[in-house]
């Protein structure tokens, strides 16, 4: 079977979402076979894809519509900061940008004694 994967939602191309699998799969008559599909998303949202399995000789086909709901990852790590009285301390946080374009991050902290930039840019494919 020739395998065709089409993103249905969002309709416009989005570089932060990828869905990949093999272009062809061989299945014996009257049998079943698993097909591995990899889905990656770097942002939250609802995504829909159509996976079509087509016999290129007879043009017979079968398709599946897949829906993916991407949710926030939650707390990844807690940084504990300790300092003697009236002395400052600092900590660094590594943020990776695997995308092929620069990303601007906005930060917010409601604790007045903690200072950080309100925005920063992480270049494409860097940290």
PDB file of N, CA and C in Angstrom:
ATOM      1  N   UNK A   1       0.832  -1.178   0.000  1.00  0.00           N
ATOM      2  CA  UNK A   1       0.000   0.000   0.000  1.00  0.00           C
ATOM      3  C   UNK A   1       0.878   1.242   0.000  1.00  0.00           C
ATOM      4  N   UNK A   2       0.475   2.242  -0.729  1.00  0.00           N
ATOM      5  CA  UNK A   2       1.082   3.566  -0.667  1.00  0.00           C
ATOM      6  C   UNK A   2       0.369   4.287   0.457  1.00  0.00           C
ATOM      7  N   UNK A   3       1.130   4.936   1.337  1.00  0.00           N
ATOM      8  CA  UNK A   3       0.542   5.625   2.484  1.00  0.00           C
ATOM      9  C   UNK A   3       0.646   7.129   2.256  1.00  0.00           C
ATOM     10  N   UNK A   4      -0.492   7.804   2.348  1.00  0.00           N
ATOM     11  CA  UNK A   4      -0.546   9.255   2.176  1.00  0.00           C
ATOM     12  C   UNK A   4      -1.103   9.845   3.467  1.00  0.00           C
ATOM     13  N   UNK A   5      -0.385  10.801   4.035  1.00  0.00           N
ATOM     14  CA  UNK A   5      -0.817  11.460   5.270  1.00  0.00           C
ATOM     15  C   UNK A   5      -1.134  12.912   4.940  1.00  0.00           C
ATOM     16  N   UNK A   6      -2.365  13.340   5.243  1.00  0.00           N
ATOM     17  CA  UNK A   6      -2.809  14.711   4.978  1.00  0.00           C
ATOM     18  C   UNK A   6      -3.228  15.365   6.292  1.00  0.00           C
ATOM     19  N   UNK A   7      -2.699  16.542   6.575  1.00  0.00           N
ATOM     20  CA  UNK A   7      -3.158  17.305   7.733  1.00  0.00           C
ATOM     21  C   UNK A   7      -4.448  18.022   7.339  1.00  0.00           C
ATOM     22  N   UNK A   8      -5.527  17.793   8.090  1.00  0.00           N
ATOM     23  CA  UNK A   8      -6.808  18.434   7.803  1.00  0.00           C
ATOM     24  C   UNK A   8      -7.011  19.681   8.647  1.00  0.00           C
ATOM     25  N   UNK A   9      -6.541  19.632   9.883  1.00  0.00           N
ATOM     26  CA  UNK A   9      -6.694  20.772  10.785  1.00  0.00           C
ATOM     27  C   UNK A   9      -5.420  20.915  11.579  1.00  0.00           C
ATOM     28  N   UNK A  10      -4.727  22.016  11.568  1.00  0.00           N
ATOM     29  CA  UNK A  10      -5.075  23.249  10.870  1.00  0.00           C
ATOM     30  C   UNK A  10      -4.892  23.099   9.362  1.00  0.00           C
ATOM     31  N   UNK A  11      -5.657  23.896   8.614  1.00  0.00           N
ATOM     32  CA  UNK A  11      -5.642  23.787   7.157  1.00  0.00           C
ATOM     33  C   UNK A  11      -4.351  24.337   6.558  1.00  0.00           C
ATOM     34  N   UNK A  12      -3.808  25.418   7.127  1.00  0.00           N
ATOM     35  CA  UNK A  12      -2.567  25.978   6.588  1.00  0.00           C
ATOM     36  C   UNK A  12      -1.377  25.233   7.163  1.00  0.00           C
ATOM     37  N   UNK A  13      -0.280  25.142   6.432  1.00  0.00           N
ATOM     38  CA  UNK A  13       0.910  24.432   6.931  1.00  0.00           C
ATOM     39  C   UNK A  13       1.432  25.053   8.228  1.00  0.00           C
ATOM     40  N   UNK A  14       1.822  24.225   9.161  1.00  0.00           N
ATOM     41  CA  UNK A  14       2.311  24.677  10.462  1.00  0.00           C
ATOM     42  C   UNK A  14       3.615  23.937  10.754  1.00  0.00           C
ATOM     43  N   UNK A  15       4.719  24.675  10.823  1.00  0.00           N
ATOM     44  CA  UNK A  15       6.030  24.054  11.029  1.00  0.00           C
ATOM     45  C   UNK A  15       6.228  23.505  12.431  1.00  0.00           C
ATOM     46  N   UNK A  16       5.347  23.863  13.371  1.00  0.00           N
ATOM     47  CA  UNK A  16       5.513  23.372  14.735  1.00  0.00           C
ATOM     48  C   UNK A  16       4.851  22.011  14.948  1.00  0.00           C
ATOM     49  N   UNK A  17       4.227  21.465  13.905  1.00  0.00           N
ATOM     50  CA  UNK A  17       3.553  20.167  13.996  1.00  0.00           C
ATOM     51  C   UNK A  17       4.035  19.277  12.848  1.00  0.00           C
ATOM     52  N   UNK A  18       4.449  18.047  13.181  1.00  0.00           N
ATOM     53  CA  UNK A  18       4.823  17.103  12.133  1.00  0.00           C
ATOM     54  C   UNK A  18       4.171  15.758  12.402  1.00  0.00           C
ATOM     55  N   UNK A  19       3.833  15.081  11.330  1.00  0.00           N
ATOM     56  CA  UNK A  19       3.290  13.734  11.426  1.00  0.00           C
ATOM     57  C   UNK A  19       3.975  12.929  10.315  1.00  0.00           C
ATOM     58  N   UNK A  20       4.640  11.844  10.712  1.00  0.00           N
ATOM     59  CA  UNK A  20       5.449  11.093   9.758  1.00  0.00           C
ATOM     60  C   UNK A  20       5.253   9.597   9.931  1.00  0.00           C
ATOM     61  N   UNK A  21       5.382   8.896   8.840  1.00  0.00           N
ATOM     62  CA  UNK A  21       5.339   7.438   8.826  1.00  0.00           C
ATOM     63  C   UNK A  21       5.981   6.953   7.542  1.00  0.00           C
ATOM     64  N   UNK A  22       6.050   5.647   7.372  1.00  0.00           N
ATOM     65  CA  UNK A  22       6.615   5.081   6.149  1.00  0.00           C
ATOM     66  C   UNK A  22       5.725   5.407   4.950  1.00  0.00           C
ATOM     67  N   UNK A  23       6.343   5.548   3.764  1.00  0.00           N
ATOM     68  CA  UNK A  23       5.585   5.850   2.549  1.00  0.00           C
ATOM     69  C   UNK A  23       4.856   4.626   1.997  1.00  0.00           C
ATOM     70  N   UNK A  24       5.375   3.424   2.311  1.00  0.00           N
ATOM     71  CA  UNK A  24       4.766   2.181   1.821  1.00  0.00           C
ATOM     72  C   UNK A  24       4.700   1.161   2.957  1.00  0.00           C
ATOM     73  N   UNK A  25       3.700   0.277   2.873  1.00  0.00           N
ATOM     74  CA  UNK A  25       3.590  -0.831   3.831  1.00  0.00           C
ATOM     75  C   UNK A  25       3.085  -2.054   3.065  1.00  0.00           C
ATOM     76  N   UNK A  26       3.702  -3.215   3.313  1.00  0.00           N
ATOM     77  CA  UNK A  26       3.289  -4.470   2.685  1.00  0.00           C
ATOM     78  C   UNK A  26       2.422  -5.250   3.662  1.00  0.00           C
ATOM     79  N   UNK A  27       1.261  -5.678   3.193  1.00  0.00           N
ATOM     80  CA  UNK A  27       0.344  -6.472   4.007  1.00  0.00           C
ATOM     81  C   UNK A  27      -0.108  -7.663   3.173  1.00  0.00           C
ATOM     82  N   UNK A  28       0.060  -8.857   3.713  1.00  0.00           N
ATOM     83  CA  UNK A  28      -0.383 -10.060   3.013  1.00  0.00           C
ATOM     84  C   UNK A  28      -1.899 -10.109   2.977  1.00  0.00           C
ATOM     85  N   UNK A  29      -2.455 -10.738   1.969  1.00  0.00           N
ATOM     86  CA  UNK A  29      -3.897 -10.864   1.843  1.00  0.00           C
ATOM     87  C   UNK A  29      -4.515 -11.557   3.044  1.00  0.00           C
ATOM     88  N   UNK A  30      -5.617 -11.023   3.551  1.00  0.00           N
ATOM     89  CA  UNK A  30      -6.329 -11.624   4.680  1.00  0.00           C
ATOM     90  C   UNK A  30      -5.608 -11.500   6.010  1.00  0.00           C
ATOM     91  N   UNK A  31      -4.619 -10.615   6.103  1.00  0.00           N
ATOM     92  CA  UNK A  31      -3.903 -10.466   7.375  1.00  0.00           C
ATOM     93  C   UNK A  31      -3.930  -9.013   7.829  1.00  0.00           C
ATOM     94  N   UNK A  32      -3.376  -8.787   9.013  1.00  0.00           N
ATOM     95  CA  UNK A  32      -3.310  -7.458   9.611  1.00  0.00           C
ATOM     96  C   UNK A  32      -1.856  -7.081   9.826  1.00  0.00           C
ATOM     97  N   UNK A  33      -1.602  -5.782   9.863  1.00  0.00           N
ATOM     98  CA  UNK A  33      -0.254  -5.309  10.151  1.00  0.00           C
ATOM     99  C   UNK A  33      -0.344  -3.936  10.797  1.00  0.00           C
ATOM    100  N   UNK A  34       0.475  -3.717  11.828  1.00  0.00           N
ATOM    101  CA  UNK A  34       0.513  -2.408  12.492  1.00  0.00           C
ATOM    102  C   UNK A  34       1.290  -1.418  11.636  1.00  0.00           C
ATOM    103  N   UNK A  35       0.864  -0.161  11.676  1.00  0.00           N
ATOM    104  CA  UNK A  35       1.549   0.915  10.976  1.00  0.00           C
ATOM    105  C   UNK A  35       1.940   1.961  12.010  1.00  0.00           C
ATOM    106  N   UNK A  36       3.229   2.281  12.088  1.00  0.00           N
ATOM    107  CA  UNK A  36       3.716   3.234  13.069  1.00  0.00           C
ATOM    108  C   UNK A  36       3.699   4.637  12.470  1.00  0.00           C
ATOM    109  N   UNK A  37       3.041   5.545  13.194  1.00  0.00           N
ATOM    110  CA  UNK A  37       2.923   6.935  12.785  1.00  0.00           C
ATOM    111  C   UNK A  37       3.453   7.786  13.922  1.00  0.00           C
ATOM    112  N   UNK A  38       4.367   8.701  13.644  1.00  0.00           N
ATOM    113  CA  UNK A  38       4.935   9.579  14.664  1.00  0.00           C
ATOM    114  C   UNK A  38       4.324  10.967  14.551  1.00  0.00           C
ATOM    115  N   UNK A  39       3.823  11.474  15.677  1.00  0.00           N
ATOM    116  CA  UNK A  39       3.217  12.805  15.735  1.00  0.00           C
ATOM    117  C   UNK A  39       4.005  13.636  16.724  1.00  0.00           C
ATOM    118  N   UNK A  40       4.434  14.832  16.296  1.00  0.00           N
ATOM    119  CA  UNK A  40       5.160  15.758  17.165  1.00  0.00           C
ATOM    120  C   UNK A  40       4.506  17.121  17.087  1.00  0.00           C
ATOM    121  N   UNK A  41       4.342  17.757  18.247  1.00  0.00           N
ATOM    122  CA  UNK A  41       3.800  19.109  18.274  1.00  0.00           C
ATOM    123  C   UNK A  41       4.541  19.915  19.325  1.00  0.00           C
ATOM    124  N   UNK A  42       4.896  21.126  18.948  1.00  0.00           N
ATOM    125  CA  UNK A  42       5.578  22.023  19.863  1.00  0.00           C
ATOM    126  C   UNK A  42       4.644  23.095  20.400  1.00  0.00           C
ATOM    127  N   UNK A  43       3.345  22.926  20.181  1.00  0.00           N
ATOM    128  CA  UNK A  43       2.372  23.860  20.734  1.00  0.00           C
ATOM    129  C   UNK A  43       1.060  23.126  21.012  1.00  0.00           C
ATOM    130  N   UNK A  44       0.252  23.742  21.854  1.00  0.00           N
ATOM    131  CA  UNK A  44      -1.045  23.152  22.219  1.00  0.00           C
ATOM    132  C   UNK A  44      -2.039  23.316  21.076  1.00  0.00           C
ATOM    133  N   UNK A  45      -3.076  22.472  21.074  1.00  0.00           N
ATOM    134  CA  UNK A  45      -4.138  22.628  20.096  1.00  0.00           C
ATOM    135  C   UNK A  45      -4.778  21.313  19.711  1.00  0.00           C
ATOM    136  N   UNK A  46      -5.752  21.416  18.821  1.00  0.00           N
ATOM    137  CA  UNK A  46      -6.433  20.256  18.255  1.00  0.00           C
ATOM    138  C   UNK A  46      -5.959  20.083  16.825  1.00  0.00           C
ATOM    139  N   UNK A  47      -5.562  18.871  16.466  1.00  0.00           N
ATOM    140  CA  UNK A  47      -5.028  18.595  15.146  1.00  0.00           C
ATOM    141  C   UNK A  47      -5.732  17.368  14.585  1.00  0.00           C
ATOM    142  N   UNK A  48      -6.035  17.405  13.292  1.00  0.00           N
ATOM    143  CA  UNK A  48      -6.700  16.292  12.632  1.00  0.00           C
ATOM    144  C   UNK A  48      -5.922  15.922  11.373  1.00  0.00           C
ATOM    145  N   UNK A  49      -5.727  14.640  11.173  1.00  0.00           N
ATOM    146  CA  UNK A  49      -5.011  14.145   9.994  1.00  0.00           C
ATOM    147  C   UNK A  49      -5.792  12.997   9.378  1.00  0.00           C
ATOM    148  N   UNK A  50      -5.584  12.798   8.096  1.00  0.00           N
ATOM    149  CA  UNK A  50      -6.191  11.690   7.366  1.00  0.00           C
ATOM    150  C   UNK A  50      -5.052  10.818   6.845  1.00  0.00           C
ATOM    151  N   UNK A  51      -5.096   9.523   7.146  1.00  0.00           N
ATOM    152  CA  UNK A  51      -4.083   8.580   6.682  1.00  0.00           C
ATOM    153  C   UNK A  51      -4.764   7.647   5.681  1.00  0.00           C
ATOM    154  N   UNK A  52      -4.261   7.660   4.448  1.00  0.00           N
ATOM    155  CA  UNK A  52      -4.861   6.879   3.360  1.00  0.00           C
ATOM    156  C   UNK A  52      -3.906   5.754   2.971  1.00  0.00           C
ATOM    157  N   UNK A  53      -4.431   4.536   2.914  1.00  0.00           N
ATOM    158  CA  UNK A  53      -3.687   3.360   2.449  1.00  0.00           C
ATOM    159  C   UNK A  53      -4.265   2.987   1.094  1.00  0.00           C
ATOM    160  N   UNK A  54      -3.457   3.125   0.022  1.00  0.00           N
ATOM    161  CA  UNK A  54      -3.961   2.898  -1.323  1.00  0.00           C
ATOM    162  C   UNK A  54      -3.140   1.828  -2.039  1.00  0.00           C
ATOM    163  N   UNK A  55      -3.848   0.861  -2.620  1.00  0.00           N
ATOM    164  CA  UNK A  55      -3.220  -0.133  -3.484  1.00  0.00           C
ATOM    165  C   UNK A  55      -3.018   0.541  -4.835  1.00  0.00           C
ATOM    166  N   UNK A  56      -1.747   0.711  -5.226  1.00  0.00           N
ATOM    167  CA  UNK A  56      -1.464   1.441  -6.461  1.00  0.00           C
ATOM    168  C   UNK A  56      -1.804   0.663  -7.727  1.00  0.00           C
ATOM    169  N   UNK A  57      -2.004  -0.655  -7.611  1.00  0.00           N
ATOM    170  CA  UNK A  57      -2.364  -1.464  -8.780  1.00  0.00           C
ATOM    171  C   UNK A  57      -3.867  -1.392  -9.034  1.00  0.00           C
ATOM    172  N   UNK A  58      -4.675  -1.616  -7.990  1.00  0.00           N
ATOM    173  CA  UNK A  58      -6.133  -1.658  -8.154  1.00  0.00           C
ATOM    174  C   UNK A  58      -6.816  -0.339  -7.803  1.00  0.00           C
ATOM    175  N   UNK A  59      -6.064   0.606  -7.230  1.00  0.00           N
ATOM    176  CA  UNK A  59      -6.595   1.894  -6.750  1.00  0.00           C
ATOM    177  C   UNK A  59      -7.609   1.740  -5.623  1.00  0.00           C
ATOM    178  N   UNK A  60      -7.705   0.560  -5.017  1.00  0.00           N
ATOM    179  CA  UNK A  60      -8.537   0.406  -3.830  1.00  0.00           C
ATOM    180  C   UNK A  60      -7.846   1.124  -2.684  1.00  0.00           C
ATOM    181  N   UNK A  61      -8.637   1.647  -1.749  1.00  0.00           N
ATOM    182  CA  UNK A  61      -8.031   2.380  -0.647  1.00  0.00           C
ATOM    183  C   UNK A  61      -8.869   2.245   0.625  1.00  0.00           C
ATOM    184  N   UNK A  62      -8.212   2.563   1.716  1.00  0.00           N
ATOM    185  CA  UNK A  62      -8.837   2.597   3.037  1.00  0.00           C
ATOM    186  C   UNK A  62      -8.224   3.797   3.742  1.00  0.00           C
ATOM    187  N   UNK A  63      -9.046   4.551   4.465  1.00  0.00           N
ATOM    188  CA  UNK A  63      -8.473   5.690   5.164  1.00  0.00           C
ATOM    189  C   UNK A  63      -8.986   5.771   6.600  1.00  0.00           C
ATOM    190  N   UNK A  64      -8.190   6.432   7.419  1.00  0.00           N
ATOM    191  CA  UNK A  64      -8.516   6.680   8.822  1.00  0.00           C
ATOM    192  C   UNK A  64      -8.368   8.166   9.084  1.00  0.00           C
ATOM    193  N   UNK A  65      -9.288   8.723   9.856  1.00  0.00           N
ATOM    194  CA  UNK A  65      -9.179  10.114  10.292  1.00  0.00           C
ATOM    195  C   UNK A  65      -8.732  10.094  11.748  1.00  0.00           C
ATOM    196  N   UNK A  66      -7.620  10.766  12.023  1.00  0.00           N
ATOM    197  CA  UNK A  66      -7.039  10.783  13.367  1.00  0.00           C
ATOM    198  C   UNK A  66      -7.156  12.173  13.958  1.00  0.00           C
ATOM    199  N   UNK A  67      -7.485  12.245  15.237  1.00  0.00           N
ATOM    200  CA  UNK A  67      -7.530  13.516  15.955  1.00  0.00           C
ATOM    201  C   UNK A  67      -6.538  13.479  17.102  1.00  0.00           C
ATOM    202  N   UNK A  68      -5.787  14.561  17.254  1.00  0.00           N
ATOM    203  CA  UNK A  68      -4.803  14.692  18.312  1.00  0.00           C
ATOM    204  C   UNK A  68      -5.135  15.931  19.129  1.00  0.00           C
ATOM    205  N   UNK A  69      -5.151  15.769  20.433  1.00  0.00           N
ATOM    206  CA  UNK A  69      -5.345  16.909  21.345  1.00  0.00           C
ATOM    207  C   UNK A  69      -4.049  17.070  22.120  1.00  0.00           C
ATOM    208  N   UNK A  70      -3.374  18.183  21.908  1.00  0.00           N
ATOM    209  CA  UNK A  70      -2.090  18.443  22.557  1.00  0.00           C
ATOM    210  C   UNK A  70      -2.333  19.366  23.739  1.00  0.00           C
ATOM    211  N   UNK A  71      -1.893  18.920  24.922  1.00  0.00           N
ATOM    212  CA  UNK A  71      -2.094  19.688  26.155  1.00  0.00           C
ATOM    213  C   UNK A  71      -0.738  20.102  26.729  1.00  0.00           C
ATOM    214  N   UNK A  72      -0.718  21.093  27.635  1.00  0.00           N
ATOM    215  CA  UNK A  72       0.555  21.510  28.237  1.00  0.00           C
ATOM    216  C   UNK A  72       1.209  20.360  28.983  1.00  0.00           C
ATOM    217  N   UNK A  73       2.543  20.402  29.054  1.00  0.00           N
ATOM    218  CA  UNK A  73       3.272  19.294  29.676  1.00  0.00           C
ATOM    219  C   UNK A  73       3.234  19.327  31.194  1.00  0.00           C
ATOM    220  N   UNK A  74       2.949  20.465  31.789  1.00  0.00           N
ATOM    221  CA  UNK A  74       2.969  20.563  33.251  1.00  0.00           C
ATOM    222  C   UNK A  74       4.366  20.914  33.745  1.00  0.00           C
ATOM    223  N   UNK A  75       4.586  20.804  35.033  1.00  0.00           N
ATOM    224  CA  UNK A  75       5.868  21.163  35.621  1.00  0.00           C
ATOM    225  C   UNK A  75       6.914  20.132  35.232  1.00  0.00           C
ATOM    226  N   UNK A  76       8.007  20.595  34.650  1.00  0.00           N
ATOM    227  CA  UNK A  76       9.084  19.711  34.228  1.00  0.00           C
ATOM    228  C   UNK A  76      10.135  19.604  35.322  1.00  0.00           C
ATOM    229  N   UNK A  77      10.419  20.709  35.981  1.00  0.00           N
ATOM    230  CA  UNK A  77      11.468  20.732  36.986  1.00  0.00           C
ATOM    231  C   UNK A  77      11.235  21.901  37.937  1.00  0.00           C
ATOM    232  N   UNK A  78      11.608  21.721  39.202  1.00  0.00           N
ATOM    233  CA  UNK A  78      11.549  22.798  40.180  1.00  0.00           C
ATOM    234  C   UNK A  78      12.970  23.200  40.538  1.00  0.00           C
ATOM    235  N   UNK A  79      13.241  24.488  40.481  1.00  0.00           N
ATOM    236  CA  UNK A  79      14.569  24.997  40.816  1.00  0.00           C
ATOM    237  C   UNK A  79      14.504  25.598  42.217  1.00  0.00           C
ATOM    238  N   UNK A  80      15.263  25.033  43.120  1.00  0.00           N
ATOM    239  CA  UNK A  80      15.294  25.548  44.491  1.00  0.00           C
ATOM    240  C   UNK A  80      16.442  26.542  44.607  1.00  0.00           C
ATOM    241  N   UNK A  81      16.122  27.741  45.081  1.00  0.00           N
ATOM    242  CA  UNK A  81      17.135  28.785  45.222  1.00  0.00           C
ATOM    243  C   UNK A  81      17.243  29.173  46.696  1.00  0.00           C
ATOM    244  N   UNK A  82      18.470  29.099  47.229  1.00  0.00           N
ATOM    245  CA  UNK A  82      18.720  29.420  48.644  1.00  0.00           C
ATOM    246  C   UNK A  82      19.839  30.442  48.695  1.00  0.00           C
ATOM    247  N   UNK A  83      19.694  31.416  49.601  1.00  0.00           N
ATOM    248  CA  UNK A  83      20.710  32.456  49.725  1.00  0.00           C
ATOM    249  C   UNK A  83      20.762  32.947  51.168  1.00  0.00           C
ATOM    250  N   UNK A  84      21.958  33.330  51.647  1.00  0.00           N
ATOM    251  CA  UNK A  84      22.024  33.975  52.968  1.00  0.00           C
ATOM    252  C   UNK A  84      21.268  35.305  52.926  1.00  0.00           C
ATOM    253  N   UNK A  85      20.899  35.824  54.070  1.00  0.00           N
ATOM    254  CA  UNK A  85      20.147  37.074  54.168  1.00  0.00           C
ATOM    255  C   UNK A  85      20.899  38.196  53.458  1.00  0.00           C
ATOM    256  N   UNK A  86      20.182  39.014  52.710  1.00  0.00           N
ATOM    257  CA  UNK A  86      20.680  40.183  51.993  1.00  0.00           C
ATOM    258  C   UNK A  86      21.749  39.871  50.945  1.00  0.00           C
ATOM    259  N   UNK A  87      21.763  38.685  50.435  1.00  0.00           N
ATOM    260  CA  UNK A  87      22.656  38.346  49.326  1.00  0.00           C
ATOM    261  C   UNK A  87      21.816  37.748  48.201  1.00  0.00           C
ATOM    262  N   UNK A  88      22.255  38.007  46.990  1.00  0.00           N
ATOM    263  CA  UNK A  88      21.470  37.509  45.852  1.00  0.00           C
ATOM    264  C   UNK A  88      21.971  36.131  45.412  1.00  0.00           C
ATOM    265  N   UNK A  89      21.133  35.468  44.689  1.00  0.00           N
ATOM    266  CA  UNK A  89      21.490  34.184  44.091  1.00  0.00           C
ATOM    267  C   UNK A  89      20.897  34.157  42.683  1.00  0.00           C
ATOM    268  N   UNK A  90      21.384  33.261  41.854  1.00  0.00           N
ATOM    269  CA  UNK A  90      20.852  33.191  40.487  1.00  0.00           C
ATOM    270  C   UNK A  90      20.762  31.738  40.039  1.00  0.00           C
ATOM    271  N   UNK A  91      19.985  31.529  39.025  1.00  0.00           N
ATOM    272  CA  UNK A  91      19.836  30.206  38.430  1.00  0.00           C
ATOM    273  C   UNK A  91      19.587  30.392  36.947  1.00  0.00           C
ATOM    274  N   UNK A  92      20.019  29.426  36.145  1.00  0.00           N
ATOM    275  CA  UNK A  92      19.801  29.464  34.695  1.00  0.00           C
ATOM    276  C   UNK A  92      18.816  28.378  34.299  1.00  0.00           C
ATOM    277  N   UNK A  93      18.039  28.672  33.289  1.00  0.00           N
ATOM    278  CA  UNK A  93      17.080  27.714  32.745  1.00  0.00           C
ATOM    279  C   UNK A  93      17.386  27.562  31.264  1.00  0.00           C
ATOM    280  N   UNK A  94      17.621  26.332  30.828  1.00  0.00           N
ATOM    281  CA  UNK A  94      17.915  26.059  29.413  1.00  0.00           C
ATOM    282  C   UNK A  94      16.599  25.844  28.669  1.00  0.00           C
ATOM    283  N   UNK A  95      16.413  26.615  27.613  1.00  0.00           N
ATOM    284  CA  UNK A  95      15.217  26.490  26.783  1.00  0.00           C
ATOM    285  C   UNK A  95      15.671  26.169  25.366  1.00  0.00           C
ATOM    286  N   UNK A  96      15.207  25.043  24.846  1.00  0.00           N
ATOM    287  CA  UNK A  96      15.575  24.600  23.501  1.00  0.00           C
ATOM    288  C   UNK A  96      14.547  25.059  22.487  1.00  0.00           C
ATOM    289  N   UNK A  97      15.037  25.439  21.318  1.00  0.00           N
ATOM    290  CA  UNK A  97      14.162  25.747  20.197  1.00  0.00           C
ATOM    291  C   UNK A  97      14.523  24.819  19.042  1.00  0.00           C
ATOM    292  N   UNK A  98      13.800  23.711  18.867  1.00  0.00           N
ATOM    293  CA  UNK A  98      14.096  22.775  17.773  1.00  0.00           C
ATOM    294  C   UNK A  98      13.504  23.209  16.435  1.00  0.00           C
ATOM    295  N   UNK A  99      12.807  24.322  16.413  1.00  0.00           N
ATOM    296  CA  UNK A  99      12.133  24.769  15.196  1.00  0.00           C
ATOM    297  C   UNK A  99      13.103  25.466  14.248  1.00  0.00           C
ATOM    298  N   UNK A 100      12.781  25.513  12.965  1.00  0.00           N
ATOM    299  CA  UNK A 100      13.676  26.140  11.986  1.00  0.00           C
ATOM    300  C   UNK A 100      13.556  27.668  11.927  1.00  0.00           C
ATOM    301  N   UNK A 101      12.914  28.293  12.918  1.00  0.00           N
ATOM    302  CA  UNK A 101      12.798  29.754  12.966  1.00  0.00           C
ATOM    303  C   UNK A 101      12.909  30.218  14.418  1.00  0.00           C
ATOM    304  N   UNK A 102      13.250  31.497  14.610  1.00  0.00           N
ATOM    305  CA  UNK A 102      13.407  32.069  15.953  1.00  0.00           C
ATOM    306  C   UNK A 102      12.061  32.134  16.664  1.00  0.00           C
ATOM    307  N   UNK A 103      12.109  31.992  18.001  1.00  0.00           N
ATOM    308  CA  UNK A 103      10.896  32.044  18.808  1.00  0.00           C
ATOM    309  C   UNK A 103      11.098  33.075  19.921  1.00  0.00           C
ATOM    310  N   UNK A 104      10.088  33.924  20.130  1.00  0.00           N
ATOM    311  CA  UNK A 104      10.134  34.920  21.201  1.00  0.00           C
ATOM    312  C   UNK A 104       9.300  34.418  22.372  1.00  0.00           C
ATOM    313  N   UNK A 105       9.906  34.388  23.561  1.00  0.00           N
ATOM    314  CA  UNK A 105       9.223  33.955  24.774  1.00  0.00           C
ATOM    315  C   UNK A 105       8.903  35.172  25.639  1.00  0.00           C
ATOM    316  N   UNK A 106       7.742  35.149  26.272  1.00  0.00           N
ATOM    317  CA  UNK A 106       7.364  36.168  27.248  1.00  0.00           C
ATOM    318  C   UNK A 106       7.415  35.532  28.627  1.00  0.00           C
ATOM    319  N   UNK A 107       7.923  36.264  29.612  1.00  0.00           N
ATOM    320  CA  UNK A 107       8.012  35.735  30.977  1.00  0.00           C
ATOM    321  C   UNK A 107       7.246  36.626  31.926  1.00  0.00           C
ATOM    322  N   UNK A 108       6.820  36.018  33.033  1.00  0.00           N
ATOM    323  CA  UNK A 108       6.082  36.756  34.052  1.00  0.00           C
ATOM    324  C   UNK A 108       6.370  36.125  35.406  1.00  0.00           C
ATOM    325  N   UNK A 109       6.637  36.977  36.391  1.00  0.00           N
ATOM    326  CA  UNK A 109       6.818  36.499  37.757  1.00  0.00           C
ATOM    327  C   UNK A 109       6.142  37.490  38.689  1.00  0.00           C
ATOM    328  N   UNK A 110       5.284  37.011  39.554  1.00  0.00           N
ATOM    329  CA  UNK A 110       4.530  37.884  40.459  1.00  0.00           C
ATOM    330  C   UNK A 110       5.263  38.148  41.777  1.00  0.00           C
ATOM    331  N   UNK A 111       6.436  37.555  41.949  1.00  0.00           N
ATOM    332  CA  UNK A 111       7.238  37.782  43.160  1.00  0.00           C
ATOM    333  C   UNK A 111       8.145  38.976  42.878  1.00  0.00           C
ATOM    334  N   UNK A 112       7.992  40.082  43.637  1.00  0.00           N
ATOM    335  CA  UNK A 112       8.753  41.296  43.323  1.00  0.00           C
ATOM    336  C   UNK A 112      10.271  41.161  43.492  1.00  0.00           C
ATOM    337  N   UNK A 113      10.751  40.217  44.290  1.00  0.00           N
ATOM    338  CA  UNK A 113      12.186  40.067  44.531  1.00  0.00           C
ATOM    339  C   UNK A 113      12.899  39.247  43.458  1.00  0.00           C
ATOM    340  N   UNK A 114      12.161  38.708  42.520  1.00  0.00           N
ATOM    341  CA  UNK A 114      12.761  37.925  41.434  1.00  0.00           C
ATOM    342  C   UNK A 114      12.736  38.760  40.168  1.00  0.00           C
ATOM    343  N   UNK A 115      13.901  38.910  39.550  1.00  0.00           N
ATOM    344  CA  UNK A 115      13.964  39.704  38.318  1.00  0.00           C
ATOM    345  C   UNK A 115      14.354  38.800  37.147  1.00  0.00           C
ATOM    346  N   UNK A 116      13.698  39.034  36.013  1.00  0.00           N
ATOM    347  CA  UNK A 116      13.980  38.311  34.790  1.00  0.00           C
ATOM    348  C   UNK A 116      13.501  39.161  33.632  1.00  0.00           C
ATOM    349  N   UNK A 117      14.034  38.935  32.438  1.00  0.00           N
ATOM    350  CA  UNK A 117      13.600  39.747  31.292  1.00  0.00           C
ATOM    351  C   UNK A 117      12.134  39.470  30.945  1.00  0.00           C
ATOM    352  N   UNK A 118      11.443  40.495  30.493  1.00  0.00           N
ATOM    353  CA  UNK A 118      10.026  40.300  30.152  1.00  0.00           C
ATOM    354  C   UNK A 118       9.873  39.493  28.864  1.00  0.00           C
ATOM    355  N   UNK A 119      10.884  39.568  27.982  1.00  0.00           N
ATOM    356  CA  UNK A 119      10.877  38.790  26.738  1.00  0.00           C
ATOM    357  C   UNK A 119      12.306  38.405  26.382  1.00  0.00           C
ATOM    358  N   UNK A 120      12.458  37.290  25.679  1.00  0.00           N
ATOM    359  CA  UNK A 120      13.753  36.915  25.132  1.00  0.00           C
ATOM    360  C   UNK A 120      13.531  36.052  23.892  1.00  0.00           C
ATOM    361  N   UNK A 121      14.528  36.030  23.028  1.00  0.00           N
ATOM    362  CA  UNK A 121      14.440  35.308  21.765  1.00  0.00           C
ATOM    363  C   UNK A 121      15.413  34.138  21.773  1.00  0.00           C
ATOM    364  N   UNK A 122      14.938  32.972  21.334  1.00  0.00           N
ATOM    365  CA  UNK A 122      15.804  31.803  21.163  1.00  0.00           C
ATOM    366  C   UNK A 122      15.901  31.569  19.651  1.00  0.00           C
ATOM    367  N   UNK A 123      17.117  31.672  19.092  1.00  0.00           N
ATOM    368  CA  UNK A 123      17.270  31.490  17.650  1.00  0.00           C
ATOM    369  C   UNK A 123      16.869  30.081  17.191  1.00  0.00           C
ATOM    370  N   UNK A 124      16.693  29.928  15.911  1.00  0.00           N
ATOM    371  CA  UNK A 124      16.303  28.636  15.329  1.00  0.00           C
ATOM    372  C   UNK A 124      17.338  27.560  15.623  1.00  0.00           C
ATOM    373  N   UNK A 125      16.852  26.355  15.938  1.00  0.00           N
ATOM    374  CA  UNK A 125      17.685  25.188  16.186  1.00  0.00           C
ATOM    375  C   UNK A 125      18.810  25.445  17.185  1.00  0.00           C
ATOM    376  N   UNK A 126      18.487  26.079  18.299  1.00  0.00           N
ATOM    377  CA  UNK A 126      19.498  26.358  19.324  1.00  0.00           C
ATOM    378  C   UNK A 126      18.857  26.321  20.702  1.00  0.00           C
ATOM    379  N   UNK A 127      19.666  26.691  21.706  1.00  0.00           N
ATOM    380  CA  UNK A 127      19.156  26.711  23.089  1.00  0.00           C
ATOM    381  C   UNK A 127      19.645  27.960  23.783  1.00  0.00           C
TER     382      UNK A 127
END
